[in-house]
Amino acid sequence: MLGGLWFRSFLGMSVDWLRGKVEVNQETIQRLLEENDQLIRCIVEYQNKGGANECVQCQLMLHRNLIYLATIADASPTSTSKAME
């Protein structure tokens, strides 16, 4: 799980949505949630192994994803109506 290859595989999608190249749909949201799950696992693993620099990189990616997902949720007209029901 540890290593540069992992970062390259996940940076692909993250960088694409930052550039606005990813359509926001249920599949995109699911992929980001799965990426967040993997990031959390890596953060724990890096913390246990003393990988402070790698841990911070994962935390920054997780933070960026969470902000993006929150922005999507705030902009979604259905999120407000579902919360009211």
PDB file of N, CA and C in Angstrom:
ATOM      1  N   MET A   1       0.824  -1.195   0.000  1.00  0.00           N
ATOM      2  CA  MET A   1       0.000   0.000   0.000  1.00  0.00           C
ATOM      3  C   MET A   1       0.867   1.257   0.000  1.00  0.00           C
ATOM      4  N   LEU A   2       2.007   1.228   0.659  1.00  0.00           N
ATOM      5  CA  LEU A   2       2.861   2.390   0.731  1.00  0.00           C
ATOM      6  C   LEU A   2       3.653   2.564  -0.545  1.00  0.00           C
ATOM      7  N   GLY A   3       4.000   3.801  -0.855  1.00  0.00           N
ATOM      8  CA  GLY A   3       4.881   4.041  -1.985  1.00  0.00           C
ATOM      9  C   GLY A   3       4.329   5.020  -2.988  1.00  0.00           C
ATOM     10  N   GLY A   4       5.226   5.482  -3.878  1.00  0.00           N
ATOM     11  CA  GLY A   4       4.890   6.480  -4.874  1.00  0.00           C
ATOM     12  C   GLY A   4       3.868   6.015  -5.890  1.00  0.00           C
ATOM     13  N   LEU A   5       3.864   4.725  -6.206  1.00  0.00           N
ATOM     14  CA  LEU A   5       2.914   4.200  -7.179  1.00  0.00           C
ATOM     15  C   LEU A   5       1.486   4.447  -6.711  1.00  0.00           C
ATOM     16  N   TRP A   6       1.240   4.275  -5.433  1.00  0.00           N
ATOM     17  CA  TRP A   6      -0.092   4.520  -4.887  1.00  0.00           C
ATOM     18  C   TRP A   6      -0.524   5.963  -5.129  1.00  0.00           C
ATOM     19  N   PHE A   7       0.387   6.902  -4.851  1.00  0.00           N
ATOM     20  CA  PHE A   7       0.050   8.310  -5.044  1.00  0.00           C
ATOM     21  C   PHE A   7      -0.278   8.604  -6.498  1.00  0.00           C
ATOM     22  N   ARG A   8       0.510   8.069  -7.419  1.00  0.00           N
ATOM     23  CA  ARG A   8       0.254   8.326  -8.838  1.00  0.00           C
ATOM     24  C   ARG A   8      -1.104   7.779  -9.258  1.00  0.00           C
ATOM     25  N   SER A   9      -1.492   6.628  -8.748  1.00  0.00           N
ATOM     26  CA  SER A   9      -2.770   6.050  -9.152  1.00  0.00           C
ATOM     27  C   SER A   9      -3.942   6.894  -8.666  1.00  0.00           C
ATOM     28  N   PHE A  10      -3.838   7.469  -7.487  1.00  0.00           N
ATOM     29  CA  PHE A  10      -4.941   8.269  -6.961  1.00  0.00           C
ATOM     30  C   PHE A  10      -4.875   9.719  -7.406  1.00  0.00           C
ATOM     31  N   LEU A  11      -3.695  10.214  -7.707  1.00  0.00           N
ATOM     32  CA  LEU A  11      -3.589  11.595  -8.159  1.00  0.00           C
ATOM     33  C   LEU A  11      -4.275  11.786  -9.500  1.00  0.00           C
ATOM     34  N   GLY A  12      -4.365  10.732 -10.309  1.00  0.00           N
ATOM     35  CA  GLY A  12      -4.998  10.844 -11.615  1.00  0.00           C
ATOM     36  C   GLY A  12      -6.389  11.416 -11.541  1.00  0.00           C
ATOM     37  N   MET A  13      -7.251  10.817 -10.763  1.00  0.00           N
ATOM     38  CA  MET A  13      -8.616  11.301 -10.675  1.00  0.00           C
ATOM     39  C   MET A  13      -8.683  12.634  -9.943  1.00  0.00           C
ATOM     40  N   SER A  14      -7.939  12.776  -8.853  1.00  0.00           N
ATOM     41  CA  SER A  14      -7.977  14.009  -8.076  1.00  0.00           C
ATOM     42  C   SER A  14      -7.579  15.212  -8.922  1.00  0.00           C
ATOM     43  N   VAL A  15      -6.523  15.061  -9.685  1.00  0.00           N
ATOM     44  CA  VAL A  15      -6.065  16.161 -10.533  1.00  0.00           C
ATOM     45  C   VAL A  15      -7.096  16.456 -11.606  1.00  0.00           C
ATOM     46  N   ASP A  16      -7.723  15.429 -12.180  1.00  0.00           N
ATOM     47  CA  ASP A  16      -8.738  15.637 -13.213  1.00  0.00           C
ATOM     48  C   ASP A  16      -9.912  16.441 -12.683  1.00  0.00           C
ATOM     49  N   TRP A  17     -10.413  16.113 -11.493  1.00  0.00           N
ATOM     50  CA  TRP A  17     -11.566  16.879 -11.020  1.00  0.00           C
ATOM     51  C   TRP A  17     -11.168  18.272 -10.617  1.00  0.00           C
ATOM     52  N   LEU A  18      -9.918  18.469 -10.179  1.00  0.00           N
ATOM     53  CA  LEU A  18      -9.462  19.821  -9.884  1.00  0.00           C
ATOM     54  C   LEU A  18      -9.450  20.681 -11.149  1.00  0.00           C
ATOM     55  N   ARG A  19      -9.161  20.065 -12.266  1.00  0.00           N
ATOM     56  CA  ARG A  19      -9.121  20.784 -13.542  1.00  0.00           C
ATOM     57  C   ARG A  19     -10.496  20.867 -14.190  1.00  0.00           C
ATOM     58  N   GLY A  20     -11.510  20.318 -13.556  1.00  0.00           N
ATOM     59  CA  GLY A  20     -12.856  20.364 -14.101  1.00  0.00           C
ATOM     60  C   GLY A  20     -13.100  19.380 -15.221  1.00  0.00           C
ATOM     61  N   LYS A  21     -12.297  18.317 -15.300  1.00  0.00           N
ATOM     62  CA  LYS A  21     -12.424  17.341 -16.382  1.00  0.00           C
ATOM     63  C   LYS A  21     -13.300  16.149 -16.004  1.00  0.00           C
ATOM     64  N   VAL A  22     -13.760  16.103 -14.784  1.00  0.00           N
ATOM     65  CA  VAL A  22     -14.577  14.976 -14.329  1.00  0.00           C
ATOM     66  C   VAL A  22     -16.010  15.453 -14.146  1.00  0.00           C
ATOM     67  N   GLU A  23     -16.941  14.734 -14.761  1.00  0.00           N
ATOM     68  CA  GLU A  23     -18.355  15.056 -14.595  1.00  0.00           C
ATOM     69  C   GLU A  23     -18.798  14.665 -13.191  1.00  0.00           C
ATOM     70  N   VAL A  24     -19.533  15.557 -12.548  1.00  0.00           N
ATOM     71  CA  VAL A  24     -20.021  15.266 -11.207  1.00  0.00           C
ATOM     72  C   VAL A  24     -21.281  14.421 -11.339  1.00  0.00           C
ATOM     73  N   ASN A  25     -21.166  13.156 -10.944  1.00  0.00           N
ATOM     74  CA  ASN A  25     -22.302  12.249 -10.943  1.00  0.00           C
ATOM     75  C   ASN A  25     -22.103  11.255  -9.795  1.00  0.00           C
ATOM     76  N   GLN A  26     -23.004  10.343  -9.655  1.00  0.00           N
ATOM     77  CA  GLN A  26     -22.935   9.390  -8.543  1.00  0.00           C
ATOM     78  C   GLN A  26     -21.660   8.551  -8.602  1.00  0.00           C
ATOM     79  N   GLU A  27     -21.228   8.185  -9.802  1.00  0.00           N
ATOM     80  CA  GLU A  27     -20.008   7.390  -9.944  1.00  0.00           C
ATOM     81  C   GLU A  27     -18.770   8.168  -9.470  1.00  0.00           C
ATOM     82  N   THR A  28     -18.699   9.439  -9.835  1.00  0.00           N
ATOM     83  CA  THR A  28     -17.582  10.277  -9.402  1.00  0.00           C
ATOM     84  C   THR A  28     -17.551  10.406  -7.890  1.00  0.00           C
ATOM     85  N   ILE A  29     -18.708  10.645  -7.316  1.00  0.00           N
ATOM     86  CA  ILE A  29     -18.802  10.779  -5.861  1.00  0.00           C
ATOM     87  C   ILE A  29     -18.393   9.480  -5.188  1.00  0.00           C
ATOM     88  N   GLN A  30     -18.850   8.348  -5.705  1.00  0.00           N
ATOM     89  CA  GLN A  30     -18.487   7.051  -5.138  1.00  0.00           C
ATOM     90  C   GLN A  30     -16.987   6.827  -5.227  1.00  0.00           C
ATOM     91  N   ARG A  31     -16.381   7.184  -6.350  1.00  0.00           N
ATOM     92  CA  ARG A  31     -14.932   7.017  -6.512  1.00  0.00           C
ATOM     93  C   ARG A  31     -14.171   7.880  -5.509  1.00  0.00           C
ATOM     94  N   LEU A  32     -14.646   9.101  -5.276  1.00  0.00           N
ATOM     95  CA  LEU A  32     -13.993   9.962  -4.286  1.00  0.00           C
ATOM     96  C   LEU A  32     -14.148   9.399  -2.878  1.00  0.00           C
ATOM     97  N   LEU A  33     -15.309   8.844  -2.570  1.00  0.00           N
ATOM     98  CA  LEU A  33     -15.505   8.234  -1.250  1.00  0.00           C
ATOM     99  C   LEU A  33     -14.592   7.026  -1.059  1.00  0.00           C
ATOM    100  N   GLU A  34     -14.434   6.236  -2.105  1.00  0.00           N
ATOM    101  CA  GLU A  34     -13.522   5.091  -2.041  1.00  0.00           C
ATOM    102  C   GLU A  34     -12.071   5.562  -1.906  1.00  0.00           C
ATOM    103  N   GLU A  35     -11.729   6.630  -2.618  1.00  0.00           N
ATOM    104  CA  GLU A  35     -10.384   7.197  -2.504  1.00  0.00           C
ATOM    105  C   GLU A  35     -10.159   7.690  -1.072  1.00  0.00           C
ATOM    106  N   ASN A  36     -11.160   8.326  -0.494  1.00  0.00           N
ATOM    107  CA  ASN A  36     -11.040   8.808   0.888  1.00  0.00           C
ATOM    108  C   ASN A  36     -10.826   7.656   1.852  1.00  0.00           C
ATOM    109  N   ASP A  37     -11.522   6.561   1.644  1.00  0.00           N
ATOM    110  CA  ASP A  37     -11.335   5.374   2.486  1.00  0.00           C
ATOM    111  C   ASP A  37      -9.883   4.898   2.405  1.00  0.00           C
ATOM    112  N   GLN A  38      -9.362   4.841   1.188  1.00  0.00           N
ATOM    113  CA  GLN A  38      -7.974   4.406   0.994  1.00  0.00           C
ATOM    114  C   GLN A  38      -6.998   5.408   1.608  1.00  0.00           C
ATOM    115  N   LEU A  39      -7.284   6.685   1.481  1.00  0.00           N
ATOM    116  CA  LEU A  39      -6.421   7.703   2.070  1.00  0.00           C
ATOM    117  C   LEU A  39      -6.368   7.574   3.589  1.00  0.00           C
ATOM    118  N   ILE A  40      -7.513   7.343   4.207  1.00  0.00           N
ATOM    119  CA  ILE A  40      -7.554   7.181   5.663  1.00  0.00           C
ATOM    120  C   ILE A  40      -6.739   5.967   6.084  1.00  0.00           C
ATOM    121  N   ARG A  41      -6.861   4.877   5.344  1.00  0.00           N
ATOM    122  CA  ARG A  41      -6.072   3.683   5.660  1.00  0.00           C
ATOM    123  C   ARG A  41      -4.578   3.964   5.537  1.00  0.00           C
ATOM    124  N   CYS A  42      -4.200   4.702   4.500  1.00  0.00           N
ATOM    125  CA  CYS A  42      -2.784   5.038   4.303  1.00  0.00           C
ATOM    126  C   CYS A  42      -2.287   5.978   5.396  1.00  0.00           C
ATOM    127  N   ILE A  43      -3.108   6.923   5.790  1.00  0.00           N
ATOM    128  CA  ILE A  43      -2.722   7.838   6.868  1.00  0.00           C
ATOM    129  C   ILE A  43      -2.399   7.049   8.126  1.00  0.00           C
ATOM    130  N   VAL A  44      -3.261   6.111   8.474  1.00  0.00           N
ATOM    131  CA  VAL A  44      -3.030   5.287   9.665  1.00  0.00           C
ATOM    132  C   VAL A  44      -1.746   4.487   9.517  1.00  0.00           C
ATOM    133  N   GLU A  45      -1.558   3.889   8.339  1.00  0.00           N
ATOM    134  CA  GLU A  45      -0.367   3.081   8.116  1.00  0.00           C
ATOM    135  C   GLU A  45       0.900   3.937   8.185  1.00  0.00           C
ATOM    136  N   TYR A  46       0.875   5.092   7.552  1.00  0.00           N
ATOM    137  CA  TYR A  46       2.042   5.976   7.599  1.00  0.00           C
ATOM    138  C   TYR A  46       2.315   6.449   9.029  1.00  0.00           C
ATOM    139  N   GLN A  47       1.265   6.741   9.787  1.00  0.00           N
ATOM    140  CA  GLN A  47       1.453   7.158  11.177  1.00  0.00           C
ATOM    141  C   GLN A  47       2.114   6.044  11.975  1.00  0.00           C
ATOM    142  N   ASN A  48       1.667   4.819  11.765  1.00  0.00           N
ATOM    143  CA  ASN A  48       2.235   3.686  12.491  1.00  0.00           C
ATOM    144  C   ASN A  48       3.693   3.425  12.122  1.00  0.00           C
ATOM    145  N   LYS A  49       4.083   3.781  10.908  1.00  0.00           N
ATOM    146  CA  LYS A  49       5.445   3.527  10.445  1.00  0.00           C
ATOM    147  C   LYS A  49       6.339   4.757  10.522  1.00  0.00           C
ATOM    148  N   GLY A  50       5.810   5.863  11.021  1.00  0.00           N
ATOM    149  CA  GLY A  50       6.615   7.069  11.167  1.00  0.00           C
ATOM    150  C   GLY A  50       6.842   7.835   9.883  1.00  0.00           C
ATOM    151  N   GLY A  51       5.995   7.644   8.911  1.00  0.00           N
ATOM    152  CA  GLY A  51       6.125   8.343   7.631  1.00  0.00           C
ATOM    153  C   GLY A  51       5.402   9.678   7.666  1.00  0.00           C
ATOM    154  N   ALA A  52       5.979  10.658   8.338  1.00  0.00           N
ATOM    155  CA  ALA A  52       5.314  11.945   8.539  1.00  0.00           C
ATOM    156  C   ALA A  52       5.047  12.673   7.224  1.00  0.00           C
ATOM    157  N   ASN A  53       6.035  12.728   6.328  1.00  0.00           N
ATOM    158  CA  ASN A  53       5.843  13.440   5.063  1.00  0.00           C
ATOM    159  C   ASN A  53       4.740  12.817   4.222  1.00  0.00           C
ATOM    160  N   GLU A  54       4.743  11.492   4.114  1.00  0.00           N
ATOM    161  CA  GLU A  54       3.719  10.801   3.344  1.00  0.00           C
ATOM    162  C   GLU A  54       2.349  10.962   3.985  1.00  0.00           C
ATOM    163  N   CYS A  55       2.323  10.946   5.294  1.00  0.00           N
ATOM    164  CA  CYS A  55       1.073  11.113   6.032  1.00  0.00           C
ATOM    165  C   CYS A  55       0.456  12.481   5.725  1.00  0.00           C
ATOM    166  N   VAL A  56       1.288  13.505   5.734  1.00  0.00           N
ATOM    167  CA  VAL A  56       0.805  14.854   5.446  1.00  0.00           C
ATOM    168  C   VAL A  56       0.274  14.947   4.019  1.00  0.00           C
ATOM    169  N   GLN A  57       0.957  14.315   3.072  1.00  0.00           N
ATOM    170  CA  GLN A  57       0.481  14.331   1.681  1.00  0.00           C
ATOM    171  C   GLN A  57      -0.907  13.702   1.585  1.00  0.00           C
ATOM    172  N   CYS A  58      -1.100  12.580   2.266  1.00  0.00           N
ATOM    173  CA  CYS A  58      -2.413  11.920   2.249  1.00  0.00           C
ATOM    174  C   CYS A  58      -3.466  12.786   2.928  1.00  0.00           C
ATOM    175  N   GLN A  59      -3.102  13.420   4.025  1.00  0.00           N
ATOM    176  CA  GLN A  59      -4.044  14.280   4.736  1.00  0.00           C
ATOM    177  C   GLN A  59      -4.476  15.454   3.863  1.00  0.00           C
ATOM    178  N   LEU A  60      -3.541  16.017   3.118  1.00  0.00           N
ATOM    179  CA  LEU A  60      -3.882  17.120   2.224  1.00  0.00           C
ATOM    180  C   LEU A  60      -4.831  16.662   1.115  1.00  0.00           C
ATOM    181  N   MET A  61      -4.576  15.488   0.556  1.00  0.00           N
ATOM    182  CA  MET A  61      -5.463  14.946  -0.479  1.00  0.00           C
ATOM    183  C   MET A  61      -6.849  14.665   0.092  1.00  0.00           C
ATOM    184  N   LEU A  62      -6.897  14.101   1.291  1.00  0.00           N
ATOM    185  CA  LEU A  62      -8.178  13.816   1.939  1.00  0.00           C
ATOM    186  C   LEU A  62      -8.938  15.115   2.192  1.00  0.00           C
ATOM    187  N   HIS A  63      -8.255  16.113   2.696  1.00  0.00           N
ATOM    188  CA  HIS A  63      -8.885  17.403   2.958  1.00  0.00           C
ATOM    189  C   HIS A  63      -9.457  18.004   1.681  1.00  0.00           C
ATOM    190  N   ARG A  64      -8.677  17.964   0.605  1.00  0.00           N
ATOM    191  CA  ARG A  64      -9.131  18.492  -0.680  1.00  0.00           C
ATOM    192  C   ARG A  64     -10.378  17.755  -1.152  1.00  0.00           C
ATOM    193  N   ASN A  65     -10.374  16.430  -1.037  1.00  0.00           N
ATOM    194  CA  ASN A  65     -11.540  15.638  -1.451  1.00  0.00           C
ATOM    195  C   ASN A  65     -12.766  15.972  -0.611  1.00  0.00           C
ATOM    196  N   LEU A  66     -12.579  16.114   0.685  1.00  0.00           N
ATOM    197  CA  LEU A  66     -13.713  16.416   1.566  1.00  0.00           C
ATOM    198  C   LEU A  66     -14.304  17.790   1.258  1.00  0.00           C
ATOM    199  N   ILE A  67     -13.440  18.761   0.997  1.00  0.00           N
ATOM    200  CA  ILE A  67     -13.926  20.092   0.637  1.00  0.00           C
ATOM    201  C   ILE A  67     -14.699  20.023  -0.686  1.00  0.00           C
ATOM    202  N   TYR A  68     -14.170  19.286  -1.641  1.00  0.00           N
ATOM    203  CA  TYR A  68     -14.835  19.136  -2.932  1.00  0.00           C
ATOM    204  C   TYR A  68     -16.205  18.483  -2.763  1.00  0.00           C
ATOM    205  N   LEU A  69     -16.266  17.399  -1.981  1.00  0.00           N
ATOM    206  CA  LEU A  69     -17.547  16.717  -1.757  1.00  0.00           C
ATOM    207  C   LEU A  69     -18.534  17.627  -1.019  1.00  0.00           C
ATOM    208  N   ALA A  70     -18.046  18.398  -0.068  1.00  0.00           N
ATOM    209  CA  ALA A  70     -18.920  19.328   0.651  1.00  0.00           C
ATOM    210  C   ALA A  70     -19.454  20.407  -0.296  1.00  0.00           C
ATOM    211  N   THR A  71     -18.612  20.859  -1.208  1.00  0.00           N
ATOM    212  CA  THR A  71     -19.031  21.859  -2.185  1.00  0.00           C
ATOM    213  C   THR A  71     -20.119  21.305  -3.095  1.00  0.00           C
ATOM    214  N   ILE A  72     -19.940  20.058  -3.520  1.00  0.00           N
ATOM    215  CA  ILE A  72     -20.961  19.402  -4.345  1.00  0.00           C
ATOM    216  C   ILE A  72     -22.274  19.301  -3.571  1.00  0.00           C
ATOM    217  N   ALA A  73     -22.182  18.884  -2.320  1.00  0.00           N
ATOM    218  CA  ALA A  73     -23.392  18.724  -1.501  1.00  0.00           C
ATOM    219  C   ALA A  73     -24.096  20.062  -1.294  1.00  0.00           C
ATOM    220  N   ASP A  74     -23.323  21.109  -1.050  1.00  0.00           N
ATOM    221  CA  ASP A  74     -23.921  22.432  -0.851  1.00  0.00           C
ATOM    222  C   ASP A  74     -24.591  22.954  -2.111  1.00  0.00           C
ATOM    223  N   ALA A  75     -24.026  22.625  -3.265  1.00  0.00           N
ATOM    224  CA  ALA A  75     -24.557  23.122  -4.532  1.00  0.00           C
ATOM    225  C   ALA A  75     -25.712  22.287  -5.055  1.00  0.00           C
ATOM    226  N   SER A  76     -25.914  21.106  -4.470  1.00  0.00           N
ATOM    227  CA  SER A  76     -26.943  20.205  -4.966  1.00  0.00           C
ATOM    228  C   SER A  76     -28.326  20.662  -4.507  1.00  0.00           C
ATOM    229  N   PRO A  77     -29.231  20.909  -5.450  1.00  0.00           N
ATOM    230  CA  PRO A  77     -30.582  21.334  -5.058  1.00  0.00           C
ATOM    231  C   PRO A  77     -31.345  20.219  -4.349  1.00  0.00           C
ATOM    232  N   THR A  78     -31.001  18.977  -4.610  1.00  0.00           N
ATOM    233  CA  THR A  78     -31.728  17.874  -3.966  1.00  0.00           C
ATOM    234  C   THR A  78     -31.276  17.650  -2.539  1.00  0.00           C
ATOM    235  N   SER A  79     -30.064  18.071  -2.183  1.00  0.00           N
ATOM    236  CA  SER A  79     -29.593  17.845  -0.824  1.00  0.00           C
ATOM    237  C   SER A  79     -30.431  18.605   0.184  1.00  0.00           C
ATOM    238  N   THR A  80     -30.879  19.790  -0.160  1.00  0.00           N
ATOM    239  CA  THR A  80     -31.696  20.591   0.750  1.00  0.00           C
ATOM    240  C   THR A  80     -33.079  19.979   0.914  1.00  0.00           C
ATOM    241  N   SER A  81     -33.685  19.562  -0.194  1.00  0.00           N
ATOM    242  CA  SER A  81     -35.033  19.017  -0.107  1.00  0.00           C
ATOM    243  C   SER A  81     -35.041  17.682   0.614  1.00  0.00           C
ATOM    244  N   LYS A  82     -34.009  16.860   0.431  1.00  0.00           N
ATOM    245  CA  LYS A  82     -33.944  15.574   1.131  1.00  0.00           C
ATOM    246  C   LYS A  82     -33.738  15.775   2.622  1.00  0.00           C
ATOM    247  N   ALA A  83     -32.958  16.784   3.007  1.00  0.00           N
ATOM    248  CA  ALA A  83     -32.712  17.048   4.421  1.00  0.00           C
ATOM    249  C   ALA A  83     -33.971  17.523   5.124  1.00  0.00           C
ATOM    250  N   MET A  84     -34.860  18.183   4.385  1.00  0.00           N
ATOM    251  CA  MET A  84     -36.084  18.729   4.953  1.00  0.00           C
ATOM    252  C   MET A  84     -37.136  17.645   5.183  1.00  0.00           C
ATOM    253  N   GLU A  85     -37.037  16.536   4.458  1.00  0.00           N
ATOM    254  CA  GLU A  85     -38.069  15.490   4.541  1.00  0.00           C
ATOM    255  C   GLU A  85     -37.959  14.682   5.796  1.00  0.00           C
TER     256      GLU A  85
END
